[in-house]
Protein backbone atom coordinates (compact mmCIF):
# COMPACT_ATOMS: atom_id res chain seq x y z
CA UNK A 1 0.10 -0.01 -0.04
CA UNK A 2 1.04 3.50 -0.66
CA UNK A 3 0.37 6.40 1.85
CA UNK A 4 1.12 9.81 0.66
CA UNK A 5 3.29 8.46 -2.02
CA UNK A 6 5.41 6.19 0.04
CA UNK A 7 5.26 2.48 0.26
CA UNK A 8 4.03 1.47 3.66
CA UNK A 9 3.58 -1.73 5.53
CA UNK A 10 0.29 -1.79 7.30
CA UNK A 11 -0.48 -4.45 9.96
CA UNK A 12 -3.11 -7.04 9.19
CA UNK A 13 -5.60 -5.64 11.64
CA UNK A 14 -5.76 -2.28 9.55
CA UNK A 15 -8.66 -3.21 7.27
CA UNK A 16 -10.43 0.03 6.58
CA UNK A 17 -9.63 3.85 5.99
CA UNK A 18 -10.94 4.45 9.51
CA UNK A 19 -8.52 1.63 10.88
CA UNK A 20 -5.48 3.28 8.85
CA UNK A 21 -6.32 6.87 10.30
CA UNK A 22 -6.20 5.34 13.60
CA UNK A 23 -3.04 3.36 13.06
CA UNK A 24 -1.26 6.60 11.91
CA UNK A 25 -2.61 8.40 14.95
CA UNK A 26 -4.75 10.90 12.87
CA UNK A 27 -8.01 9.59 14.33
CA UNK A 28 -10.74 12.28 14.17
CA UNK A 29 -8.60 15.08 12.98
CA UNK A 30 -10.07 16.92 9.91
CA UNK A 31 -8.64 15.42 6.90
CA UNK A 32 -9.42 14.60 3.34
CA UNK A 33 -8.68 11.24 2.20
CA UNK A 34 -8.20 10.17 -1.40
CA UNK A 35 -8.41 6.40 -2.09
CA UNK A 36 -7.22 5.12 -5.51
CA UNK A 37 -7.88 8.60 -6.92
CA UNK A 38 -11.35 8.79 -5.39
CA UNK A 39 -12.09 11.57 -2.70
CA UNK A 40 -13.91 9.94 0.02
CA UNK A 41 -16.70 11.46 2.29
CA UNK A 42 -16.08 10.86 6.08
CA UNK A 43 -18.85 8.54 6.33
CA UNK A 44 -17.35 6.23 3.72
CA UNK A 45 -13.97 5.72 5.83
CA UNK A 46 -15.43 2.85 7.73
CA UNK A 47 -16.76 1.19 4.70
CA UNK A 48 -13.82 1.22 2.35
CA UNK A 49 -11.65 -1.87 2.69
CA UNK A 50 -7.94 -1.50 2.07
CA UNK A 51 -6.01 -3.94 -0.15
CA UNK A 52 -2.33 -4.27 -1.04
CA UNK A 53 -1.54 -1.99 -3.86
CA UNK A 54 -3.89 0.72 -2.92
CA UNK A 55 -2.94 4.26 -3.01
CA UNK A 56 -4.15 6.55 -0.07
CA UNK A 57 -3.38 10.24 -0.03
CA UNK A 58 -4.10 12.15 3.31
CA UNK A 59 -4.33 15.74 3.45
CA UNK A 60 -4.29 17.69 6.75
CA UNK A 61 -5.99 21.14 7.14
CA UNK A 62 -3.63 23.73 8.66
CA UNK A 63 -4.87 27.05 9.94
CA UNK A 64 -3.04 30.26 9.54
CA UNK A 65 -3.48 33.83 8.57
């Protein structure tokens, strides 16, 4: 699996996008997730099952002014 363009080994218990965000200690922070070039809605994170070769991009929001 690739996460933000880097090949990443993910434990077997990480099955969904939600699991991945928890594993990466992102959890409930505001992020946009792109899975295999498809932007996901937050309520889809639990339903999307991850597979070897998937490409996941995670974008964090940063405040500033």
